[in-house]
């Protein structure tokens, strides 16, 4: 059986199980097929080590801290970057009552103006979050973006954003050249199926899957970073 035959056979069995209204999401492997792993078996410490290793391999910068020291770590990261104006989702409060350090201007993603239409509005259609987006030139004037995350996959070194309250509009992590992402230990899973399961409630929202800084290569394999997103990705892992 070729890999193509195996994939098609599994799809047929899954469709049959779904039509019957019973059976697992991934039916058991038939004789000669490889078993499909839906859940990992690493403990939390191993997951964090594996995620940090994968992210570093993708040329992201990884720092590890605790919840009590998170605000200081974020401030230090932005200071090293010499970031003076950053965009932060309205639902992410990093610095708490003390506020941001002196010299740092925080702009919330819902305070980005002017807003420009995503597409021409139909007659009588009111403007709103679904029909407007921040002007990319305004975002480009920011030194970076700080966000949370929805889930992180240790095996692939992937961080997923689901436009939740602590992640904000998708555009804020695509236009600025620097993205500082906060990932908490309980958000890290081992395998892609586990991440997809966690994201089931966000299926209607835009998902951004991040594996390292934005990078692409031409036919001669010359690597260019920052073409489709931030040139620099820094991740702070918040341990228990």
Protein backbone atom coordinates (compact mmCIF):
# COMPACT_ATOMS: atom_id res chain seq x y z
CA UNK A 1 0.00 0.00 0.00
CA UNK A 2 1.38 3.38 -1.00
CA UNK A 3 1.19 6.38 1.35
CA UNK A 4 -1.46 7.86 -0.97
CA UNK A 5 -3.58 4.71 -0.74
CA UNK A 6 -3.23 4.72 3.04
CA UNK A 7 -4.34 8.35 3.38
CA UNK A 8 -7.35 7.85 1.09
CA UNK A 9 -8.36 4.65 2.89
CA UNK A 10 -8.31 6.42 6.25
CA UNK A 11 -10.39 9.28 4.88
CA UNK A 12 -12.98 6.83 3.55
CA UNK A 13 -13.19 5.02 6.91
CA UNK A 14 -13.45 8.30 8.83
CA UNK A 15 -16.23 9.49 6.51
CA UNK A 16 -18.10 6.24 6.92
CA UNK A 17 -17.82 6.48 10.71
CA UNK A 18 -19.04 10.09 10.64
CA UNK A 19 -22.02 9.19 8.43
CA UNK A 20 -22.93 6.40 10.82
CA UNK A 21 -22.77 8.83 13.72
CA UNK A 22 -20.35 6.70 15.67
CA UNK A 23 -16.75 5.75 15.87
CA UNK A 24 -13.55 7.62 16.77
CA UNK A 25 -12.38 10.68 14.88
CA UNK A 26 -9.42 8.65 13.69
CA UNK A 27 -10.37 4.99 13.18
CA UNK A 28 -7.85 2.38 14.22
CA UNK A 29 -5.12 1.63 11.73
CA UNK A 30 -5.77 -1.24 9.37
CA UNK A 31 -3.19 -4.01 8.97
CA UNK A 32 -0.08 -2.58 7.32
CA UNK A 33 -0.91 1.02 8.25
CA UNK A 34 1.08 3.13 10.69
CA UNK A 35 -0.66 4.01 13.96
CA UNK A 36 -1.91 7.59 14.25
CA UNK A 37 -0.76 9.36 17.42
CA UNK A 38 -3.43 11.61 18.91
CA UNK A 39 -1.84 12.29 22.31
CA UNK A 40 1.70 12.64 23.55
CA UNK A 41 3.23 11.14 26.66
CA UNK A 42 5.87 13.69 27.69
CA UNK A 43 5.55 15.52 31.00
CA UNK A 44 5.36 19.31 31.18
CA UNK A 45 9.07 19.86 31.78
CA UNK A 46 9.95 17.73 28.76
CA UNK A 47 7.41 19.60 26.63
CA UNK A 48 8.89 22.98 27.54
CA UNK A 49 12.42 21.77 26.81
CA UNK A 50 11.37 20.33 23.46
CA UNK A 51 9.46 23.47 22.45
CA UNK A 52 12.40 25.70 23.39
CA UNK A 53 14.75 23.48 21.38
CA UNK A 54 12.52 23.51 18.29
CA UNK A 55 11.97 27.29 18.45
CA UNK A 56 15.68 27.92 18.81
CA UNK A 57 16.33 25.66 15.83
CA UNK A 58 13.96 27.88 13.83
CA UNK A 59 16.06 30.93 14.81
CA UNK A 60 13.63 32.30 17.36
CA UNK A 61 14.95 33.68 20.66
CA UNK A 62 13.58 31.84 23.69
CA UNK A 63 13.65 33.06 27.27
CA UNK A 64 12.13 31.33 30.28
CA UNK A 65 10.64 32.94 33.35
CA UNK A 66 7.87 32.63 35.93
CA UNK A 67 4.57 34.50 36.22
CA UNK A 68 5.94 36.63 39.05
CA UNK A 69 8.85 37.82 36.93
CA UNK A 70 7.02 38.08 33.60
CA UNK A 71 6.54 41.88 33.58
CA UNK A 72 10.23 42.46 34.20
CA UNK A 73 11.21 39.96 31.52
CA UNK A 74 8.95 41.63 28.95
CA UNK A 75 10.33 45.06 29.84
CA UNK A 76 13.90 43.77 29.56
CA UNK A 77 13.20 42.17 26.17
CA UNK A 78 11.73 45.39 24.80
CA UNK A 79 14.65 47.40 26.21
CA UNK A 80 17.16 45.11 24.49
CA UNK A 81 15.24 45.64 21.27
CA UNK A 82 15.19 49.41 21.92
CA UNK A 83 11.44 49.27 21.31
CA UNK A 84 9.79 52.55 22.24
CA UNK A 85 6.35 52.10 20.68
CA UNK A 86 4.67 48.70 20.71
CA UNK A 87 1.19 47.43 19.94
CA UNK A 88 -0.47 45.14 22.50
CA UNK A 89 -3.89 43.43 22.39
CA UNK A 90 -6.48 45.14 24.57
CA UNK A 91 -6.99 41.88 26.47
CA UNK A 92 -3.33 41.43 27.46
CA UNK A 93 -2.23 43.21 30.65
CA UNK A 94 1.48 42.53 30.98
CA UNK A 95 2.63 45.27 33.33
CA UNK A 96 -0.30 45.41 35.75
CA UNK A 97 -1.01 48.40 38.02
CA UNK A 98 2.59 49.61 37.76
CA UNK A 99 2.14 50.27 34.07
CA UNK A 100 4.81 50.13 31.37
CA UNK A 101 8.34 51.38 32.08
CA UNK A 102 9.23 54.99 31.32
CA UNK A 103 9.91 55.67 27.66
CA UNK A 104 7.68 52.86 26.40
CA UNK A 105 4.48 53.79 24.59
CA UNK A 106 1.80 51.09 24.56
CA UNK A 107 -0.85 51.17 21.85
CA UNK A 108 -3.74 48.75 22.13
CA UNK A 109 -4.87 47.03 18.96
CA UNK A 110 -8.36 48.52 19.31
CA UNK A 111 -6.82 51.97 19.54
CA UNK A 112 -5.03 51.81 16.20
CA UNK A 113 -6.22 54.59 13.93
CA UNK A 114 -7.01 55.34 11.24
CA UNK A 115 -8.96 52.25 10.25
CA UNK A 116 -9.34 51.51 6.56
CA UNK A 117 -11.97 49.31 4.86
CA UNK A 118 -11.04 45.68 4.26
CA UNK A 119 -13.26 45.69 1.17
CA UNK A 120 -15.76 48.10 -0.37
CA UNK A 121 -18.85 48.27 1.80
CA UNK A 122 -22.23 47.44 0.33
CA UNK A 123 -24.82 50.23 0.43
CA UNK A 124 -26.16 50.61 3.95
CA UNK A 125 -23.54 48.32 5.53
CA UNK A 126 -22.21 49.89 8.76
CA UNK A 127 -18.48 50.00 9.40
CA UNK A 128 -17.27 47.75 12.19
CA UNK A 129 -14.47 45.41 13.31
CA UNK A 130 -15.41 42.90 10.60
CA UNK A 131 -15.15 45.47 7.81
CA UNK A 132 -12.19 47.55 8.96
CA UNK A 133 -8.55 46.97 9.72
CA UNK A 134 -5.68 49.15 10.96
CA UNK A 135 -3.83 51.09 8.31
CA UNK A 136 -0.64 49.02 7.69
CA UNK A 137 1.39 52.22 7.71
CA UNK A 138 0.33 52.85 11.31
CA UNK A 139 1.33 49.34 12.31
CA UNK A 140 4.61 49.72 10.44
CA UNK A 141 5.41 52.72 12.63
CA UNK A 142 5.38 50.46 15.71
CA UNK A 143 8.65 48.90 16.88
CA UNK A 144 6.96 45.58 17.59
CA UNK A 145 4.00 43.69 18.96
CA UNK A 146 3.53 41.82 22.24
CA UNK A 147 0.89 39.07 22.35
CA UNK A 148 -0.16 35.97 24.18
CA UNK A 149 -0.82 32.66 22.42
CA UNK A 150 -3.64 30.12 22.12
CA UNK A 151 -1.54 26.96 22.07
CA UNK A 152 2.00 25.81 21.28
CA UNK A 153 3.07 22.49 19.78
CA UNK A 154 6.33 21.16 21.19
CA UNK A 155 7.01 18.53 18.53
CA UNK A 156 6.85 20.99 15.64
CA UNK A 157 7.95 24.16 17.45
CA UNK A 158 4.75 25.89 16.37
CA UNK A 159 2.83 28.65 18.14
CA UNK A 160 -0.81 29.17 17.19
CA UNK A 161 -2.69 32.45 17.59
CA UNK A 162 -6.49 32.38 17.38
CA UNK A 163 -7.29 36.12 17.58
CA UNK A 164 -8.33 35.74 21.22
CA UNK A 165 -8.45 38.68 23.61
CA UNK A 166 -4.76 38.42 24.54
CA UNK A 167 -3.67 38.01 20.90
CA UNK A 168 -5.71 40.65 19.13
CA UNK A 169 -6.05 41.35 15.43
CA UNK A 170 -4.05 39.11 13.15
CA UNK A 171 -2.44 42.11 11.44
CA UNK A 172 -0.50 43.20 14.53
CA UNK A 173 1.72 40.13 14.37
CA UNK A 174 2.31 40.35 10.60
CA UNK A 175 3.28 43.97 9.93
CA UNK A 176 5.71 45.02 12.72
CA UNK A 177 9.21 43.61 12.32
CA UNK A 178 9.38 42.23 15.88
CA UNK A 179 6.98 39.89 17.67
CA UNK A 180 7.33 39.13 21.38
CA UNK A 181 5.05 36.19 22.20
CA UNK A 182 4.19 35.01 25.70
CA UNK A 183 3.51 31.27 25.97
CA UNK A 184 2.38 29.77 29.27
CA UNK A 185 3.29 26.26 30.33
CA UNK A 186 -0.30 24.99 30.36
CA UNK A 187 -0.69 26.07 26.73
CA UNK A 188 1.99 23.68 25.47
CA UNK A 189 0.95 20.34 23.99
CA UNK A 190 3.06 17.69 22.35
CA UNK A 191 1.28 16.90 19.07
CA UNK A 192 -0.67 18.68 16.34
CA UNK A 193 -3.92 16.70 16.99
CA UNK A 194 -3.89 17.90 20.60
CA UNK A 195 -3.54 21.49 19.42
CA UNK A 196 -6.36 21.14 16.89
CA UNK A 197 -8.59 19.75 19.64
CA UNK A 198 -7.90 22.79 21.82
CA UNK A 199 -8.60 25.13 18.91
CA UNK A 200 -11.98 23.60 18.10
CA UNK A 201 -13.81 26.48 19.78
CA UNK A 202 -11.96 29.03 17.63
CA UNK A 203 -12.71 27.46 14.26
CA UNK A 204 -14.58 30.57 13.07
CA UNK A 205 -11.70 32.93 13.93
CA UNK A 206 -8.52 33.49 11.90
CA UNK A 207 -5.69 31.21 12.99
CA UNK A 208 -2.01 32.11 12.62
CA UNK A 209 0.47 29.22 12.81
CA UNK A 210 3.99 30.43 13.59
CA UNK A 211 7.13 28.33 13.33
CA UNK A 212 9.97 30.78 13.84
CA UNK A 213 10.50 34.19 12.23
CA UNK A 214 9.00 34.80 8.80
CA UNK A 215 11.39 33.36 6.21
CA UNK A 216 11.47 32.26 2.61
CA UNK A 217 14.07 31.01 0.14
CA UNK A 218 14.54 31.48 -3.57
CA UNK A 219 15.46 28.76 -6.05
CA UNK A 220 19.12 29.03 -4.98
CA UNK A 221 18.07 28.53 -1.32
CA UNK A 222 19.10 32.05 -0.31
CA UNK A 223 17.16 32.63 2.91
CA UNK A 224 15.37 35.95 3.33
CA UNK A 225 13.64 36.80 6.61
CA UNK A 226 10.83 39.25 7.24
CA UNK A 227 9.04 38.98 3.91
CA UNK A 228 5.68 37.68 5.10
CA UNK A 229 5.82 38.69 8.74
CA UNK A 230 8.20 39.65 11.58
CA UNK A 231 11.91 39.29 10.94
CA UNK A 232 12.45 38.64 14.65
CA UNK A 233 10.45 36.31 16.89
CA UNK A 234 11.13 36.27 20.62
CA UNK A 235 9.26 33.85 22.87
CA UNK A 236 8.94 34.03 26.64
CA UNK A 237 7.99 30.67 28.16
CA UNK A 238 6.21 31.17 31.49
CA UNK A 239 6.95 28.16 33.65
CA UNK A 240 4.91 27.05 36.70
